[in-house]
Amino acid sequence: QRVADILADVQKRGDAAVLEYTARFD
């Protein structure tokens, strides 16, 4: 479920989502 949410968010918001998850997870 978490992966599904991340994929959908990156598909929708692109770079902004990638930056957010990179800050959160890495």
PDB file of all heavy atoms in Angstrom:
ATOM      1  N   GLN A   1       0.819  -1.202   0.000  1.00  0.00           N
ATOM      2  CA  GLN A   1       0.000   0.000   0.000  1.00  0.00           C
ATOM      3  C   GLN A   1       0.854   1.254   0.000  1.00  0.00           C
ATOM      4  O   GLN A   1       0.564   2.228  -0.703  1.00  0.00           O
ATOM      5  CB  GLN A   1      -0.933   0.012   1.221  1.00  0.00           C
ATOM      6  CG  GLN A   1      -1.915   1.179   1.230  1.00  0.00           C
ATOM      7  CD  GLN A   1      -2.759   1.227  -0.029  1.00  0.00           C
ATOM      8  OE1 GLN A   1      -3.442   0.258  -0.365  1.00  0.00           O
ATOM      9  NE2 GLN A   1      -2.742   2.350  -0.755  1.00  0.00           N
ATOM     10  N   ARG A   2       1.942   1.223   0.776  1.00  0.00           N
ATOM     11  CA  ARG A   2       2.827   2.386   0.831  1.00  0.00           C
ATOM     12  C   ARG A   2       3.459   2.624  -0.543  1.00  0.00           C
ATOM     13  O   ARG A   2       3.569   3.768  -1.006  1.00  0.00           O
ATOM     14  CB  ARG A   2       3.921   2.155   1.892  1.00  0.00           C
ATOM     15  CG  ARG A   2       4.717   3.413   2.196  1.00  0.00           C
ATOM     16  CD  ARG A   2       3.893   4.385   3.024  1.00  0.00           C
ATOM     17  NE  ARG A   2       4.583   5.663   3.155  1.00  0.00           N
ATOM     18  CZ  ARG A   2       4.214   6.779   2.542  1.00  0.00           C
ATOM     19  NH1 ARG A   2       3.176   6.791   1.731  1.00  0.00           N
ATOM     20  NH2 ARG A   2       4.880   7.899   2.744  1.00  0.00           N
ATOM     21  N   VAL A   3       3.885   1.551  -1.176  1.00  0.00           N
ATOM     22  CA  VAL A   3       4.487   1.670  -2.501  1.00  0.00           C
ATOM     23  C   VAL A   3       3.479   2.225  -3.501  1.00  0.00           C
ATOM     24  O   VAL A   3       3.803   3.111  -4.305  1.00  0.00           O
ATOM     25  CB  VAL A   3       5.035   0.304  -2.979  1.00  0.00           C
ATOM     26  CG1 VAL A   3       5.347   0.325  -4.471  1.00  0.00           C
ATOM     27  CG2 VAL A   3       6.283  -0.071  -2.189  1.00  0.00           C
ATOM     28  N   ALA A   4       2.249   1.733  -3.450  1.00  0.00           N
ATOM     29  CA  ALA A   4       1.211   2.224  -4.360  1.00  0.00           C
ATOM     30  C   ALA A   4       1.001   3.724  -4.181  1.00  0.00           C
ATOM     31  O   ALA A   4       0.855   4.469  -5.161  1.00  0.00           O
ATOM     32  CB  ALA A   4      -0.099   1.468  -4.124  1.00  0.00           C
ATOM     33  N   ASP A   5       1.018   4.177  -2.932  1.00  0.00           N
ATOM     34  CA  ASP A   5       0.830   5.610  -2.656  1.00  0.00           C
ATOM     35  C   ASP A   5       2.001   6.432  -3.201  1.00  0.00           C
ATOM     36  O   ASP A   5       1.807   7.514  -3.773  1.00  0.00           O
ATOM     37  CB  ASP A   5       0.699   5.838  -1.144  1.00  0.00           C
ATOM     38  CG  ASP A   5      -0.581   5.246  -0.572  1.00  0.00           C
ATOM     39  OD1 ASP A   5      -1.507   4.951  -1.357  1.00  0.00           O
ATOM     40  OD2 ASP A   5      -0.645   5.056   0.663  1.00  0.00           O
ATOM     41  N   ILE A   6       3.228   5.914  -3.025  1.00  0.00           N
ATOM     42  CA  ILE A   6       4.414   6.635  -3.496  1.00  0.00           C
ATOM     43  C   ILE A   6       4.411   6.732  -5.021  1.00  0.00           C
ATOM     44  O   ILE A   6       4.668   7.796  -5.590  1.00  0.00           O
ATOM     45  CB  ILE A   6       5.703   5.950  -2.996  1.00  0.00           C
ATOM     46  CG1 ILE A   6       5.823   6.084  -1.467  1.00  0.00           C
ATOM     47  CG2 ILE A   6       6.941   6.548  -3.676  1.00  0.00           C
ATOM     48  CD1 ILE A   6       6.935   5.254  -0.860  1.00  0.00           C
ATOM     49  N   LEU A   7       4.100   5.616  -5.691  1.00  0.00           N
ATOM     50  CA  LEU A   7       4.079   5.624  -7.152  1.00  0.00           C
ATOM     51  C   LEU A   7       3.061   6.631  -7.669  1.00  0.00           C
ATOM     52  O   LEU A   7       3.346   7.412  -8.590  1.00  0.00           O
ATOM     53  CB  LEU A   7       3.738   4.234  -7.694  1.00  0.00           C
ATOM     54  CG  LEU A   7       4.744   3.105  -7.435  1.00  0.00           C
ATOM     55  CD1 LEU A   7       4.262   1.817  -8.100  1.00  0.00           C
ATOM     56  CD2 LEU A   7       6.128   3.459  -7.939  1.00  0.00           C
ATOM     57  N   ALA A   8       1.878   6.615  -7.080  1.00  0.00           N
ATOM     58  CA  ALA A   8       0.831   7.532  -7.528  1.00  0.00           C
ATOM     59  C   ALA A   8       1.229   8.978  -7.286  1.00  0.00           C
ATOM     60  O   ALA A   8       0.963   9.861  -8.124  1.00  0.00           O
ATOM     61  CB  ALA A   8      -0.478   7.211  -6.806  1.00  0.00           C
ATOM     62  N   ASP A   9       1.890   9.233  -6.164  1.00  0.00           N
ATOM     63  CA  ASP A   9       2.289  10.604  -5.834  1.00  0.00           C
ATOM     64  C   ASP A   9       3.368  11.110  -6.784  1.00  0.00           C
ATOM     65  O   ASP A   9       3.316  12.261  -7.266  1.00  0.00           O
ATOM     66  CB  ASP A   9       2.784  10.650  -4.390  1.00  0.00           C
ATOM     67  CG  ASP A   9       2.847  12.065  -3.828  1.00  0.00           C
ATOM     68  OD1 ASP A   9       2.184  12.964  -4.398  1.00  0.00           O
ATOM     69  OD2 ASP A   9       3.564  12.269  -2.832  1.00  0.00           O
ATOM     70  N   VAL A  10       4.358  10.253  -7.088  1.00  0.00           N
ATOM     71  CA  VAL A  10       5.412  10.666  -8.018  1.00  0.00           C
ATOM     72  C   VAL A  10       4.837  10.859  -9.414  1.00  0.00           C
ATOM     73  O   VAL A  10       5.202  11.810 -10.124  1.00  0.00           O
ATOM     74  CB  VAL A  10       6.559   9.635  -8.038  1.00  0.00           C
ATOM     75  CG1 VAL A  10       7.562   9.959  -9.141  1.00  0.00           C
ATOM     76  CG2 VAL A  10       7.271   9.596  -6.687  1.00  0.00           C
ATOM     77  N   GLN A  11       3.907   9.998  -9.807  1.00  0.00           N
ATOM     78  CA  GLN A  11       3.283  10.151 -11.123  1.00  0.00           C
ATOM     79  C   GLN A  11       2.525  11.477 -11.219  1.00  0.00           C
ATOM     80  O   GLN A  11       2.517  12.128 -12.262  1.00  0.00           O
ATOM     81  CB  GLN A  11       2.335   8.980 -11.390  1.00  0.00           C
ATOM     82  CG  GLN A  11       1.789   8.922 -12.813  1.00  0.00           C
ATOM     83  CD  GLN A  11       0.976   7.675 -13.074  1.00  0.00           C
ATOM     84  OE1 GLN A  11       0.463   7.040 -12.145  1.00  0.00           O
ATOM     85  NE2 GLN A  11       0.848   7.303 -14.334  1.00  0.00           N
ATOM     86  N   LYS A  12       1.933  11.896 -10.100  1.00  0.00           N
ATOM     87  CA  LYS A  12       1.144  13.129 -10.081  1.00  0.00           C
ATOM     88  C   LYS A  12       2.012  14.372  -9.908  1.00  0.00           C
ATOM     89  O   LYS A  12       1.856  15.354 -10.641  1.00  0.00           O
ATOM     90  CB  LYS A  12       0.117  13.050  -8.945  1.00  0.00           C
ATOM     91  CG  LYS A  12      -0.771  14.276  -8.823  1.00  0.00           C
ATOM     92  CD  LYS A  12      -1.768  14.109  -7.675  1.00  0.00           C
ATOM     93  CE  LYS A  12      -2.650  15.344  -7.518  1.00  0.00           C
ATOM     94  NZ  LYS A  12      -3.607  15.191  -6.383  1.00  0.00           N
ATOM     95  N   ARG A  13       2.950  14.341  -8.953  1.00  0.00           N
ATOM     96  CA  ARG A  13       3.687  15.559  -8.592  1.00  0.00           C
ATOM     97  C   ARG A  13       5.127  15.595  -9.093  1.00  0.00           C
ATOM     98  O   ARG A  13       5.808  16.609  -8.958  1.00  0.00           O
ATOM     99  CB  ARG A  13       3.670  15.748  -7.081  1.00  0.00           C
ATOM    100  CG  ARG A  13       2.283  15.981  -6.485  1.00  0.00           C
ATOM    101  CD  ARG A  13       2.388  16.564  -5.079  1.00  0.00           C
ATOM    102  NE  ARG A  13       3.014  15.628  -4.144  1.00  0.00           N
ATOM    103  CZ  ARG A  13       4.019  15.947  -3.344  1.00  0.00           C
ATOM    104  NH1 ARG A  13       4.543  17.160  -3.367  1.00  0.00           N
ATOM    105  NH2 ARG A  13       4.525  15.032  -2.517  1.00  0.00           N
ATOM    106  N   GLY A  14       5.620  14.480  -9.637  1.00  0.00           N
ATOM    107  CA  GLY A  14       6.942  14.454 -10.242  1.00  0.00           C
ATOM    108  C   GLY A  14       8.078  14.802  -9.302  1.00  0.00           C
ATOM    109  O   GLY A  14       8.197  14.248  -8.208  1.00  0.00           O
ATOM    110  N   ASP A  15       8.910  15.759  -9.718  1.00  0.00           N
ATOM    111  CA  ASP A  15      10.115  16.117  -8.963  1.00  0.00           C
ATOM    112  C   ASP A  15       9.815  16.497  -7.512  1.00  0.00           C
ATOM    113  O   ASP A  15      10.585  16.157  -6.605  1.00  0.00           O
ATOM    114  CB  ASP A  15      10.833  17.282  -9.639  1.00  0.00           C
ATOM    115  CG  ASP A  15      11.536  16.873 -10.925  1.00  0.00           C
ATOM    116  OD1 ASP A  15      11.739  15.665 -11.138  1.00  0.00           O
ATOM    117  OD2 ASP A  15      11.886  17.778 -11.717  1.00  0.00           O
ATOM    118  N   ALA A  16       8.720  17.196  -7.287  1.00  0.00           N
ATOM    119  CA  ALA A  16       8.397  17.638  -5.923  1.00  0.00           C
ATOM    120  C   ALA A  16       8.225  16.440  -4.993  1.00  0.00           C
ATOM    121  O   ALA A  16       8.701  16.455  -3.845  1.00  0.00           O
ATOM    122  CB  ALA A  16       7.125  18.488  -5.934  1.00  0.00           C
ATOM    123  N   ALA A  17       7.561  15.395  -5.491  1.00  0.00           N
ATOM    124  CA  ALA A  17       7.374  14.201  -4.679  1.00  0.00           C
ATOM    125  C   ALA A  17       8.701  13.477  -4.459  1.00  0.00           C
ATOM    126  O   ALA A  17       8.994  13.003  -3.354  1.00  0.00           O
ATOM    127  CB  ALA A  17       6.362  13.265  -5.339  1.00  0.00           C
ATOM    128  N   VAL A  18       9.527  13.398  -5.517  1.00  0.00           N
ATOM    129  CA  VAL A  18      10.834  12.751  -5.385  1.00  0.00           C
ATOM    130  C   VAL A  18      11.671  13.459  -4.326  1.00  0.00           C
ATOM    131  O   VAL A  18      12.308  12.819  -3.475  1.00  0.00           O
ATOM    132  CB  VAL A  18      11.566  12.737  -6.741  1.00  0.00           C
ATOM    133  CG1 VAL A  18      13.019  12.261  -6.562  1.00  0.00           C
ATOM    134  CG2 VAL A  18      10.850  11.840  -7.743  1.00  0.00           C
ATOM    135  N   LEU A  19      11.682  14.787  -4.332  1.00  0.00           N
ATOM    136  CA  LEU A  19      12.439  15.550  -3.339  1.00  0.00           C
ATOM    137  C   LEU A  19      11.922  15.288  -1.931  1.00  0.00           C
ATOM    138  O   LEU A  19      12.700  15.120  -0.983  1.00  0.00           O
ATOM    139  CB  LEU A  19      12.358  17.051  -3.657  1.00  0.00           C
ATOM    140  CG  LEU A  19      13.153  17.529  -4.877  1.00  0.00           C
ATOM    141  CD1 LEU A  19      12.742  18.941  -5.262  1.00  0.00           C
ATOM    142  CD2 LEU A  19      14.652  17.465  -4.594  1.00  0.00           C
ATOM    143  N   GLU A  20      10.596  15.231  -1.796  1.00  0.00           N
ATOM    144  CA  GLU A  20       9.996  15.014  -0.470  1.00  0.00           C
ATOM    145  C   GLU A  20      10.362  13.645   0.085  1.00  0.00           C
ATOM    146  O   GLU A  20      10.762  13.518   1.254  1.00  0.00           O
ATOM    147  CB  GLU A  20       8.476  15.153  -0.589  1.00  0.00           C
ATOM    148  CG  GLU A  20       7.744  14.969   0.736  1.00  0.00           C
ATOM    149  CD  GLU A  20       6.239  15.092   0.558  1.00  0.00           C
ATOM    150  OE1 GLU A  20       5.798  16.031  -0.140  1.00  0.00           O
ATOM    151  OE2 GLU A  20       5.511  14.244   1.116  1.00  0.00           O
ATOM    152  N   TYR A  21      10.256  12.601  -0.751  1.00  0.00           N
ATOM    153  CA  TYR A  21      10.555  11.251  -0.263  1.00  0.00           C
ATOM    154  C   TYR A  21      12.048  11.056  -0.035  1.00  0.00           C
ATOM    155  O   TYR A  21      12.452  10.322   0.874  1.00  0.00           O
ATOM    156  CB  TYR A  21      10.021  10.200  -1.247  1.00  0.00           C
ATOM    157  CG  TYR A  21       8.505  10.161  -1.292  1.00  0.00           C
ATOM    158  CD1 TYR A  21       7.827  10.376  -2.483  1.00  0.00           C
ATOM    159  CD2 TYR A  21       7.768   9.927  -0.141  1.00  0.00           C
ATOM    160  CE1 TYR A  21       6.442  10.357  -2.530  1.00  0.00           C
ATOM    161  CE2 TYR A  21       6.386   9.901  -0.172  1.00  0.00           C
ATOM    162  CZ  TYR A  21       5.721  10.112  -1.364  1.00  0.00           C
ATOM    163  OH  TYR A  21       4.358  10.099  -1.400  1.00  0.00           O
ATOM    164  N   THR A  22      12.877  11.700  -0.832  1.00  0.00           N
ATOM    165  CA  THR A  22      14.322  11.604  -0.624  1.00  0.00           C
ATOM    166  C   THR A  22      14.711  12.227   0.712  1.00  0.00           C
ATOM    167  O   THR A  22      15.558  11.707   1.440  1.00  0.00           O
ATOM    168  CB  THR A  22      15.079  12.286  -1.781  1.00  0.00           C
ATOM    169  OG1 THR A  22      14.741  11.641  -3.009  1.00  0.00           O
ATOM    170  CG2 THR A  22      16.583  12.210  -1.584  1.00  0.00           C
ATOM    171  N   ALA A  23      14.072  13.327   1.052  1.00  0.00           N
ATOM    172  CA  ALA A  23      14.329  13.953   2.357  1.00  0.00           C
ATOM    173  C   ALA A  23      13.823  13.064   3.492  1.00  0.00           C
ATOM    174  O   ALA A  23      14.497  12.895   4.515  1.00  0.00           O
ATOM    175  CB  ALA A  23      13.647  15.319   2.407  1.00  0.00           C
ATOM    176  N   ARG A  24      12.643  12.465   3.290  1.00  0.00           N
ATOM    177  CA  ARG A  24      12.030  11.669   4.361  1.00  0.00           C
ATOM    178  C   ARG A  24      12.761  10.353   4.594  1.00  0.00           C
ATOM    179  O   ARG A  24      13.056   9.978   5.734  1.00  0.00           O
ATOM    180  CB  ARG A  24      10.568  11.384   4.012  1.00  0.00           C
ATOM    181  CG  ARG A  24       9.820  10.660   5.131  1.00  0.00           C
ATOM    182  CD  ARG A  24       8.399  10.295   4.717  1.00  0.00           C
ATOM    183  NE  ARG A  24       7.656  11.438   4.201  1.00  0.00           N
ATOM    184  CZ  ARG A  24       6.429  11.344   3.698  1.00  0.00           C
ATOM    185  NH1 ARG A  24       5.812  10.170   3.635  1.00  0.00           N
ATOM    186  NH2 ARG A  24       5.806  12.417   3.250  1.00  0.00           N
ATOM    187  N   PHE A  25      13.093   9.633   3.512  1.00  0.00           N
ATOM    188  CA  PHE A  25      13.643   8.281   3.656  1.00  0.00           C
ATOM    189  C   PHE A  25      15.166   8.248   3.688  1.00  0.00           C
ATOM    190  O   PHE A  25      15.757   7.379   4.323  1.00  0.00           O
ATOM    191  CB  PHE A  25      13.140   7.380   2.525  1.00  0.00           C
ATOM    192  CG  PHE A  25      11.640   7.203   2.516  1.00  0.00           C
ATOM    193  CD1 PHE A  25      10.922   7.322   1.341  1.00  0.00           C
ATOM    194  CD2 PHE A  25      10.952   6.918   3.684  1.00  0.00           C
ATOM    195  CE1 PHE A  25       9.543   7.168   1.321  1.00  0.00           C
ATOM    196  CE2 PHE A  25       9.574   6.760   3.681  1.00  0.00           C
ATOM    197  CZ  PHE A  25       8.865   6.889   2.501  1.00  0.00           C
ATOM    198  N   ASP A  26      15.830   9.175   2.997  1.00  0.00           N
ATOM    199  CA  ASP A  26      17.288   9.165   2.949  1.00  0.00           C
ATOM    200  C   ASP A  26      17.919  10.271   3.784  1.00  0.00           C
ATOM    201  O   ASP A  26      19.150  10.366   3.845  1.00  0.00           O
ATOM    202  CB  ASP A  26      17.773   9.313   1.497  1.00  0.00           C
ATOM    203  CG  ASP A  26      17.496   8.059   0.671  1.00  0.00           C
ATOM    204  OD1 ASP A  26      17.252   7.003   1.278  1.00  0.00           O
ATOM    205  OD2 ASP A  26      17.525   8.140  -0.571  1.00  0.00           O
TER     206      ASP A  26
END
